[in-house]
Amino acid sequence: MASDVPALASAFEDEGEAGLLDRRLGKASGKRVPSDRSDEVEALYRTRYAGFTAKHFHEHLVKEHNFSWGYTWTKTFLYSKGLLEKAKRRGAHRRKRERRPLPGMMLHQDGSMHVWLAGQPALDLIVTLDDATSAIYSRF
C-alpha cells in the first residue's frame, strides 16, 4: 500500500477526484480462464472423466492437459455446470435420536478403566442401563 501512495497522490494532483477511481471495475480479470479453455474442461469431464471427483479430475487436467488454473476454480466450475453434486452431509459423531419407547427394548453396556479408589490400581467399571428409562440394571 505504501508504494501506491505516490502514484495516488500524483493521480489526484493530475485529475482530481476522478484520478482516484479504480478503472479496473467492470473489466474481466487478466487471470480469468478463457472461455475456450472452460469449454474444453467441460467437454473433457463429460466425455473422458465423467464420475471423477473434482480433486482427481483437477490432477488429471494439470498433469495431462497443461491446465494452470487452480483447483478451486475447477471445483466451482463443475458445480456450476451441474456436473458434480454436493456430498451428503455427514452426521454428527453423537447424533441425537429418540429413546426407545418401552423399557428393555435396548440396553447399553459401557465399560471404562479408571482409578476409582485412591492408592489402588485402575479398575474396570461395567454398567448395563436401559435406553428408555436410564435405569441401571447392573454395575460391577
N, C-alpha and C. Protein backbone atom coordinates (compact mmCIF):
# COMPACT_ATOMS: atom_id res chain seq x y z
N MET A 1 0.83 -1.19 0.00
CA MET A 1 0.00 0.00 0.00
C MET A 1 0.87 1.25 0.00
N ALA A 2 2.00 1.20 0.74
CA ALA A 2 2.85 2.38 0.83
C ALA A 2 3.42 2.75 -0.53
N SER A 3 3.68 1.76 -1.39
CA SER A 3 4.23 2.06 -2.71
C SER A 3 3.18 2.70 -3.61
N ASP A 4 1.89 2.54 -3.32
CA ASP A 4 0.82 3.13 -4.12
C ASP A 4 0.56 4.59 -3.78
N VAL A 5 1.04 5.04 -2.64
CA VAL A 5 0.73 6.39 -2.18
C VAL A 5 1.24 7.46 -3.15
N PRO A 6 2.50 7.40 -3.61
CA PRO A 6 2.94 8.44 -4.56
C PRO A 6 2.13 8.42 -5.86
N ALA A 7 1.79 7.23 -6.34
CA ALA A 7 1.00 7.13 -7.57
C ALA A 7 -0.38 7.74 -7.37
N LEU A 8 -1.00 7.47 -6.23
CA LEU A 8 -2.32 8.02 -5.94
C LEU A 8 -2.25 9.54 -5.80
N ALA A 9 -1.20 10.02 -5.15
CA ALA A 9 -1.06 11.46 -4.96
C ALA A 9 -0.90 12.18 -6.30
N SER A 10 -0.08 11.62 -7.19
CA SER A 10 0.10 12.27 -8.49
C SER A 10 -1.17 12.16 -9.33
N ALA A 11 -1.89 11.04 -9.23
CA ALA A 11 -3.15 10.90 -9.96
C ALA A 11 -4.17 11.91 -9.46
N PHE A 12 -4.19 12.14 -8.14
CA PHE A 12 -5.12 13.12 -7.58
C PHE A 12 -4.74 14.53 -8.03
N GLU A 13 -3.44 14.81 -8.05
CA GLU A 13 -2.99 16.14 -8.48
C GLU A 13 -3.30 16.39 -9.95
N ASP A 14 -3.13 15.34 -10.77
CA ASP A 14 -3.34 15.49 -12.22
C ASP A 14 -4.81 15.54 -12.59
N GLU A 15 -5.64 14.66 -11.97
CA GLU A 15 -7.03 14.51 -12.42
C GLU A 15 -8.07 14.84 -11.37
N GLY A 16 -7.65 15.17 -10.17
CA GLY A 16 -8.61 15.45 -9.10
C GLY A 16 -9.22 14.14 -8.58
N GLU A 17 -10.46 14.21 -8.11
CA GLU A 17 -11.11 13.02 -7.56
C GLU A 17 -11.24 11.91 -8.58
N ALA A 18 -11.40 12.23 -9.85
CA ALA A 18 -11.54 11.21 -10.90
C ALA A 18 -10.28 10.36 -11.00
N GLY A 19 -9.13 10.88 -10.61
CA GLY A 19 -7.88 10.13 -10.64
C GLY A 19 -7.82 9.04 -9.60
N LEU A 20 -8.69 9.11 -8.59
CA LEU A 20 -8.71 8.10 -7.53
C LEU A 20 -9.62 6.92 -7.83
N LEU A 21 -10.40 7.02 -8.89
CA LEU A 21 -11.32 5.94 -9.23
C LEU A 21 -10.56 4.70 -9.69
N ASP A 22 -11.09 3.55 -9.37
CA ASP A 22 -10.49 2.28 -9.78
C ASP A 22 -10.99 1.96 -11.19
N ARG A 23 -10.13 2.03 -12.15
CA ARG A 23 -10.53 1.84 -13.55
C ARG A 23 -10.68 0.37 -13.92
N ARG A 24 -10.33 -0.53 -12.99
CA ARG A 24 -10.47 -1.96 -13.26
C ARG A 24 -11.91 -2.44 -13.12
N LEU A 25 -12.74 -1.68 -12.41
CA LEU A 25 -14.11 -2.10 -12.17
C LEU A 25 -14.85 -2.31 -13.49
N GLY A 26 -15.57 -3.42 -13.58
CA GLY A 26 -16.35 -3.71 -14.77
C GLY A 26 -15.56 -4.41 -15.86
N LYS A 27 -14.27 -4.64 -15.65
CA LYS A 27 -13.45 -5.31 -16.65
C LYS A 27 -13.13 -6.72 -16.17
N ALA A 28 -12.98 -7.64 -17.12
CA ALA A 28 -12.63 -9.02 -16.78
C ALA A 28 -11.21 -9.08 -16.24
N SER A 29 -10.99 -9.96 -15.30
CA SER A 29 -9.68 -10.14 -14.72
C SER A 29 -8.72 -10.73 -15.75
N GLY A 30 -7.47 -10.33 -15.67
CA GLY A 30 -6.45 -10.89 -16.55
C GLY A 30 -6.14 -12.34 -16.22
N LYS A 31 -6.53 -12.77 -15.03
CA LYS A 31 -6.29 -14.15 -14.59
C LYS A 31 -7.46 -15.07 -14.92
N ARG A 32 -8.48 -14.53 -15.53
CA ARG A 32 -9.69 -15.29 -15.84
C ARG A 32 -9.39 -16.43 -16.82
N VAL A 33 -10.05 -17.57 -16.60
CA VAL A 33 -9.88 -18.71 -17.51
C VAL A 33 -10.58 -18.38 -18.82
N PRO A 34 -9.88 -18.46 -19.96
CA PRO A 34 -10.52 -18.16 -21.24
C PRO A 34 -11.69 -19.09 -21.52
N SER A 35 -12.70 -18.59 -22.23
CA SER A 35 -13.91 -19.38 -22.46
C SER A 35 -13.62 -20.65 -23.25
N ASP A 36 -12.65 -20.63 -24.17
CA ASP A 36 -12.34 -21.85 -24.92
C ASP A 36 -11.75 -22.92 -24.01
N ARG A 37 -10.96 -22.51 -23.00
CA ARG A 37 -10.41 -23.48 -22.04
C ARG A 37 -11.51 -24.02 -21.13
N SER A 38 -12.45 -23.17 -20.71
CA SER A 38 -13.53 -23.66 -19.85
C SER A 38 -14.43 -24.61 -20.63
N ASP A 39 -14.65 -24.33 -21.92
CA ASP A 39 -15.41 -25.27 -22.75
C ASP A 39 -14.68 -26.60 -22.89
N GLU A 40 -13.36 -26.53 -23.00
CA GLU A 40 -12.56 -27.75 -23.10
C GLU A 40 -12.65 -28.56 -21.81
N VAL A 41 -12.59 -27.87 -20.67
CA VAL A 41 -12.68 -28.55 -19.37
C VAL A 41 -14.03 -29.25 -19.25
N GLU A 42 -15.10 -28.56 -19.63
CA GLU A 42 -16.43 -29.16 -19.56
C GLU A 42 -16.52 -30.39 -20.46
N ALA A 43 -16.02 -30.28 -21.69
CA ALA A 43 -16.08 -31.41 -22.63
C ALA A 43 -15.25 -32.58 -22.12
N LEU A 44 -14.07 -32.31 -21.55
CA LEU A 44 -13.25 -33.39 -21.01
C LEU A 44 -13.96 -34.12 -19.89
N TYR A 45 -14.59 -33.36 -19.00
CA TYR A 45 -15.27 -34.01 -17.88
C TYR A 45 -16.44 -34.85 -18.37
N ARG A 46 -17.22 -34.31 -19.30
CA ARG A 46 -18.39 -35.03 -19.80
C ARG A 46 -18.02 -36.30 -20.57
N THR A 47 -16.95 -36.24 -21.36
CA THR A 47 -16.64 -37.37 -22.24
C THR A 47 -15.63 -38.35 -21.65
N ARG A 48 -14.57 -37.84 -21.08
CA ARG A 48 -13.47 -38.72 -20.68
C ARG A 48 -13.38 -38.97 -19.18
N TYR A 49 -13.76 -37.98 -18.38
CA TYR A 49 -13.55 -38.08 -16.93
C TYR A 49 -14.84 -38.08 -16.12
N ALA A 50 -15.95 -38.44 -16.72
CA ALA A 50 -17.23 -38.45 -16.01
C ALA A 50 -17.14 -39.34 -14.78
N GLY A 51 -17.66 -38.84 -13.66
CA GLY A 51 -17.65 -39.61 -12.43
C GLY A 51 -16.44 -39.38 -11.55
N PHE A 52 -15.42 -38.68 -12.05
CA PHE A 52 -14.25 -38.38 -11.24
C PHE A 52 -14.62 -37.35 -10.17
N THR A 53 -13.93 -37.39 -9.06
CA THR A 53 -14.10 -36.32 -8.07
C THR A 53 -13.42 -35.07 -8.62
N ALA A 54 -13.77 -33.91 -8.06
CA ALA A 54 -13.18 -32.66 -8.51
C ALA A 54 -11.66 -32.68 -8.35
N LYS A 55 -11.20 -33.22 -7.24
CA LYS A 55 -9.76 -33.25 -6.97
C LYS A 55 -9.03 -34.14 -7.97
N HIS A 56 -9.55 -35.34 -8.17
CA HIS A 56 -8.91 -36.28 -9.09
C HIS A 56 -8.93 -35.73 -10.52
N PHE A 57 -10.06 -35.14 -10.92
CA PHE A 57 -10.17 -34.56 -12.25
C PHE A 57 -9.17 -33.42 -12.42
N HIS A 58 -9.06 -32.55 -11.41
CA HIS A 58 -8.13 -31.43 -11.50
C HIS A 58 -6.68 -31.93 -11.64
N GLU A 59 -6.33 -32.99 -10.91
CA GLU A 59 -4.98 -33.55 -11.02
C GLU A 59 -4.70 -33.99 -12.46
N HIS A 60 -5.68 -34.61 -13.11
CA HIS A 60 -5.50 -35.04 -14.50
C HIS A 60 -5.42 -33.84 -15.44
N LEU A 61 -6.20 -32.80 -15.17
CA LEU A 61 -6.13 -31.59 -16.00
C LEU A 61 -4.72 -30.99 -15.98
N VAL A 62 -4.16 -30.90 -14.80
CA VAL A 62 -2.85 -30.29 -14.66
C VAL A 62 -1.78 -31.17 -15.31
N LYS A 63 -1.86 -32.48 -15.04
CA LYS A 63 -0.81 -33.40 -15.49
C LYS A 63 -0.87 -33.68 -16.99
N GLU A 64 -2.06 -33.89 -17.52
CA GLU A 64 -2.18 -34.36 -18.90
C GLU A 64 -2.65 -33.29 -19.89
N HIS A 65 -3.20 -32.18 -19.41
CA HIS A 65 -3.78 -31.19 -20.32
C HIS A 65 -3.22 -29.79 -20.11
N ASN A 66 -2.11 -29.68 -19.39
CA ASN A 66 -1.42 -28.40 -19.17
C ASN A 66 -2.36 -27.30 -18.66
N PHE A 67 -3.20 -27.64 -17.71
CA PHE A 67 -4.14 -26.69 -17.14
C PHE A 67 -3.44 -26.00 -15.98
N SER A 68 -3.38 -24.67 -15.99
CA SER A 68 -2.58 -23.96 -14.98
C SER A 68 -3.43 -23.19 -13.97
N TRP A 69 -4.74 -23.30 -14.03
CA TRP A 69 -5.58 -22.61 -13.05
C TRP A 69 -5.82 -23.50 -11.85
N GLY A 70 -6.34 -22.93 -10.78
CA GLY A 70 -6.42 -23.63 -9.51
C GLY A 70 -7.55 -24.63 -9.37
N TYR A 71 -7.39 -25.47 -8.35
CA TYR A 71 -8.37 -26.50 -8.02
C TYR A 71 -9.72 -25.88 -7.67
N THR A 72 -9.71 -24.77 -6.93
CA THR A 72 -10.96 -24.14 -6.51
C THR A 72 -11.77 -23.73 -7.73
N TRP A 73 -11.11 -23.19 -8.76
CA TRP A 73 -11.84 -22.83 -9.97
C TRP A 73 -12.46 -24.07 -10.60
N THR A 74 -11.69 -25.16 -10.69
CA THR A 74 -12.19 -26.40 -11.29
C THR A 74 -13.42 -26.90 -10.55
N LYS A 75 -13.33 -26.95 -9.22
CA LYS A 75 -14.44 -27.45 -8.41
C LYS A 75 -15.68 -26.57 -8.58
N THR A 76 -15.51 -25.27 -8.47
CA THR A 76 -16.63 -24.34 -8.60
C THR A 76 -17.25 -24.43 -9.99
N PHE A 77 -16.43 -24.55 -11.01
CA PHE A 77 -16.91 -24.65 -12.38
C PHE A 77 -17.75 -25.91 -12.57
N LEU A 78 -17.26 -27.05 -12.06
CA LEU A 78 -18.00 -28.32 -12.21
C LEU A 78 -19.34 -28.25 -11.48
N TYR A 79 -19.37 -27.63 -10.30
CA TYR A 79 -20.64 -27.46 -9.58
C TYR A 79 -21.58 -26.55 -10.35
N SER A 80 -21.06 -25.47 -10.92
CA SER A 80 -21.92 -24.51 -11.62
C SER A 80 -22.54 -25.12 -12.87
N LYS A 81 -21.86 -26.07 -13.48
CA LYS A 81 -22.38 -26.73 -14.68
C LYS A 81 -23.26 -27.93 -14.34
N GLY A 82 -23.40 -28.24 -13.05
CA GLY A 82 -24.22 -29.37 -12.64
C GLY A 82 -23.55 -30.71 -12.88
N LEU A 83 -22.25 -30.72 -13.05
CA LEU A 83 -21.53 -31.97 -13.31
C LEU A 83 -21.17 -32.71 -12.02
N LEU A 84 -21.16 -32.00 -10.91
CA LEU A 84 -20.91 -32.60 -9.60
C LEU A 84 -22.06 -32.27 -8.67
N GLU A 85 -22.35 -33.19 -7.78
CA GLU A 85 -23.36 -32.94 -6.75
C GLU A 85 -22.65 -32.75 -5.42
N LYS A 86 -23.22 -31.91 -4.59
CA LYS A 86 -22.66 -31.73 -3.26
C LYS A 86 -22.74 -33.05 -2.53
N ALA A 87 -21.69 -33.38 -1.78
CA ALA A 87 -21.68 -34.61 -1.00
C ALA A 87 -22.71 -34.50 0.12
N LYS A 88 -23.30 -35.63 0.46
CA LYS A 88 -24.25 -35.63 1.57
C LYS A 88 -23.54 -35.22 2.84
N ARG A 89 -24.24 -34.46 3.65
CA ARG A 89 -23.67 -34.01 4.91
C ARG A 89 -23.48 -35.20 5.83
N ARG A 90 -22.29 -35.29 6.38
CA ARG A 90 -22.02 -36.41 7.28
C ARG A 90 -22.60 -36.09 8.65
N GLY A 91 -23.08 -37.11 9.31
CA GLY A 91 -23.74 -36.91 10.59
C GLY A 91 -22.79 -36.56 11.71
N ALA A 92 -23.35 -36.03 12.75
CA ALA A 92 -22.58 -35.71 13.94
C ALA A 92 -22.12 -37.01 14.59
N HIS A 93 -21.02 -36.93 15.32
CA HIS A 93 -20.48 -38.13 15.95
C HIS A 93 -21.51 -38.77 16.89
N ARG A 94 -22.13 -37.97 17.68
CA ARG A 94 -23.16 -38.48 18.59
C ARG A 94 -24.49 -37.86 18.20
N ARG A 95 -25.13 -38.46 17.24
CA ARG A 95 -26.39 -37.95 16.72
C ARG A 95 -27.52 -38.15 17.74
N LYS A 96 -28.33 -37.12 17.90
CA LYS A 96 -29.49 -37.22 18.79
C LYS A 96 -30.53 -38.14 18.16
N ARG A 97 -31.14 -38.96 18.97
CA ARG A 97 -32.19 -39.85 18.48
C ARG A 97 -33.23 -40.02 19.58
N GLU A 98 -34.38 -40.45 19.18
CA GLU A 98 -35.44 -40.71 20.14
C GLU A 98 -35.08 -41.93 20.98
N ARG A 99 -35.39 -41.85 22.26
CA ARG A 99 -35.18 -43.02 23.11
C ARG A 99 -36.21 -44.10 22.74
N ARG A 100 -35.89 -45.33 23.04
CA ARG A 100 -36.83 -46.42 22.80
C ARG A 100 -38.06 -46.23 23.68
N PRO A 101 -39.24 -46.55 23.15
CA PRO A 101 -40.47 -46.24 23.90
C PRO A 101 -40.71 -47.13 25.11
N LEU A 102 -40.22 -48.35 25.13
CA LEU A 102 -40.51 -49.27 26.23
C LEU A 102 -39.23 -49.76 26.90
N PRO A 103 -39.25 -49.89 28.23
CA PRO A 103 -38.08 -50.43 28.93
C PRO A 103 -37.74 -51.83 28.42
N GLY A 104 -36.46 -52.11 28.32
CA GLY A 104 -35.99 -53.42 27.90
C GLY A 104 -35.81 -53.57 26.39
N MET A 105 -36.25 -52.59 25.61
CA MET A 105 -36.10 -52.70 24.15
C MET A 105 -34.65 -52.54 23.71
N MET A 106 -33.91 -51.70 24.43
CA MET A 106 -32.49 -51.52 24.11
C MET A 106 -31.72 -51.29 25.39
N LEU A 107 -30.68 -52.08 25.57
CA LEU A 107 -29.81 -51.95 26.72
C LEU A 107 -28.43 -51.50 26.25
N HIS A 108 -27.84 -50.63 27.01
CA HIS A 108 -26.48 -50.18 26.72
C HIS A 108 -25.55 -50.78 27.76
N GLN A 109 -24.40 -51.24 27.28
CA GLN A 109 -23.40 -51.73 28.21
C GLN A 109 -22.13 -50.95 27.94
N ASP A 110 -21.59 -50.36 28.99
CA ASP A 110 -20.43 -49.49 28.83
C ASP A 110 -19.40 -49.87 29.87
N GLY A 111 -18.15 -49.78 29.49
CA GLY A 111 -17.07 -50.08 30.42
C GLY A 111 -15.99 -49.03 30.33
N SER A 112 -15.37 -48.72 31.47
CA SER A 112 -14.25 -47.79 31.47
C SER A 112 -13.30 -48.14 32.59
N MET A 113 -12.00 -47.91 32.31
CA MET A 113 -10.97 -48.17 33.30
C MET A 113 -10.59 -46.83 33.94
N HIS A 114 -10.54 -46.83 35.29
CA HIS A 114 -10.25 -45.59 35.99
C HIS A 114 -9.72 -45.92 37.37
N VAL A 115 -8.97 -45.00 37.94
CA VAL A 115 -8.52 -45.17 39.32
C VAL A 115 -9.67 -44.71 40.21
N TRP A 116 -10.51 -45.64 40.57
CA TRP A 116 -11.72 -45.33 41.35
C TRP A 116 -11.40 -45.14 42.83
N LEU A 117 -10.43 -45.88 43.35
CA LEU A 117 -10.08 -45.83 44.77
C LEU A 117 -8.64 -45.35 44.90
N ALA A 118 -8.43 -44.38 45.76
CA ALA A 118 -7.09 -43.81 45.96
C ALA A 118 -6.13 -44.89 46.43
N GLY A 119 -4.95 -44.94 45.86
CA GLY A 119 -3.93 -45.90 46.28
C GLY A 119 -4.11 -47.28 45.67
N GLN A 120 -5.13 -47.50 44.88
CA GLN A 120 -5.39 -48.80 44.26
C GLN A 120 -5.09 -48.70 42.76
N PRO A 121 -4.82 -49.81 42.11
CA PRO A 121 -4.62 -49.76 40.65
C PRO A 121 -5.94 -49.46 39.94
N ALA A 122 -5.84 -49.08 38.68
CA ALA A 122 -7.05 -48.77 37.89
C ALA A 122 -7.95 -50.01 37.81
N LEU A 123 -9.24 -49.78 37.94
CA LEU A 123 -10.23 -50.86 37.89
C LEU A 123 -11.24 -50.59 36.77
N ASP A 124 -11.82 -51.67 36.24
CA ASP A 124 -12.86 -51.53 35.22
C ASP A 124 -14.21 -51.37 35.90
N LEU A 125 -15.05 -50.49 35.37
CA LEU A 125 -16.43 -50.36 35.79
C LEU A 125 -17.28 -50.71 34.58
N ILE A 126 -18.13 -51.72 34.72
CA ILE A 126 -19.02 -52.15 33.65
C ILE A 126 -20.45 -51.85 34.10
N VAL A 127 -21.18 -51.10 33.29
CA VAL A 127 -22.54 -50.69 33.63
C VAL A 127 -23.48 -51.13 32.51
N THR A 128 -24.64 -51.68 32.89
CA THR A 128 -25.70 -52.01 31.94
C THR A 128 -26.89 -51.15 32.29
N LEU A 129 -27.37 -50.34 31.31
CA LEU A 129 -28.51 -49.47 31.60
C LEU A 129 -29.51 -49.50 30.47
N ASP A 130 -30.74 -49.13 30.81
CA ASP A 130 -31.86 -49.15 29.87
C ASP A 130 -31.92 -47.85 29.08
N ASP A 131 -32.17 -47.94 27.79
CA ASP A 131 -32.24 -46.76 26.94
C ASP A 131 -33.48 -45.92 27.24
N ALA A 132 -34.60 -46.56 27.49
CA ALA A 132 -35.87 -45.85 27.67
C ALA A 132 -35.92 -45.07 28.96
N THR A 133 -35.40 -45.65 30.05
CA THR A 133 -35.56 -45.03 31.36
C THR A 133 -34.25 -44.62 32.03
N SER A 134 -33.13 -45.00 31.45
CA SER A 134 -31.79 -44.80 32.04
C SER A 134 -31.63 -45.53 33.36
N ALA A 135 -32.48 -46.52 33.60
CA ALA A 135 -32.36 -47.33 34.81
C ALA A 135 -31.12 -48.21 34.69
N ILE A 136 -30.34 -48.30 35.77
CA ILE A 136 -29.14 -49.14 35.78
C ILE A 136 -29.54 -50.54 36.23
N TYR A 137 -29.29 -51.54 35.37
CA TYR A 137 -29.62 -52.93 35.69
C TYR A 137 -28.47 -53.62 36.40
N SER A 138 -27.25 -53.29 36.05
CA SER A 138 -26.12 -53.91 36.75
C SER A 138 -24.90 -52.99 36.64
N ARG A 139 -24.05 -53.14 37.65
CA ARG A 139 -22.75 -52.46 37.62
C ARG A 139 -21.79 -53.29 38.46
N PHE A 140 -20.64 -53.52 37.91
CA PHE A 140 -19.61 -54.25 38.68
C PHE A 140 -18.25 -53.83 38.20
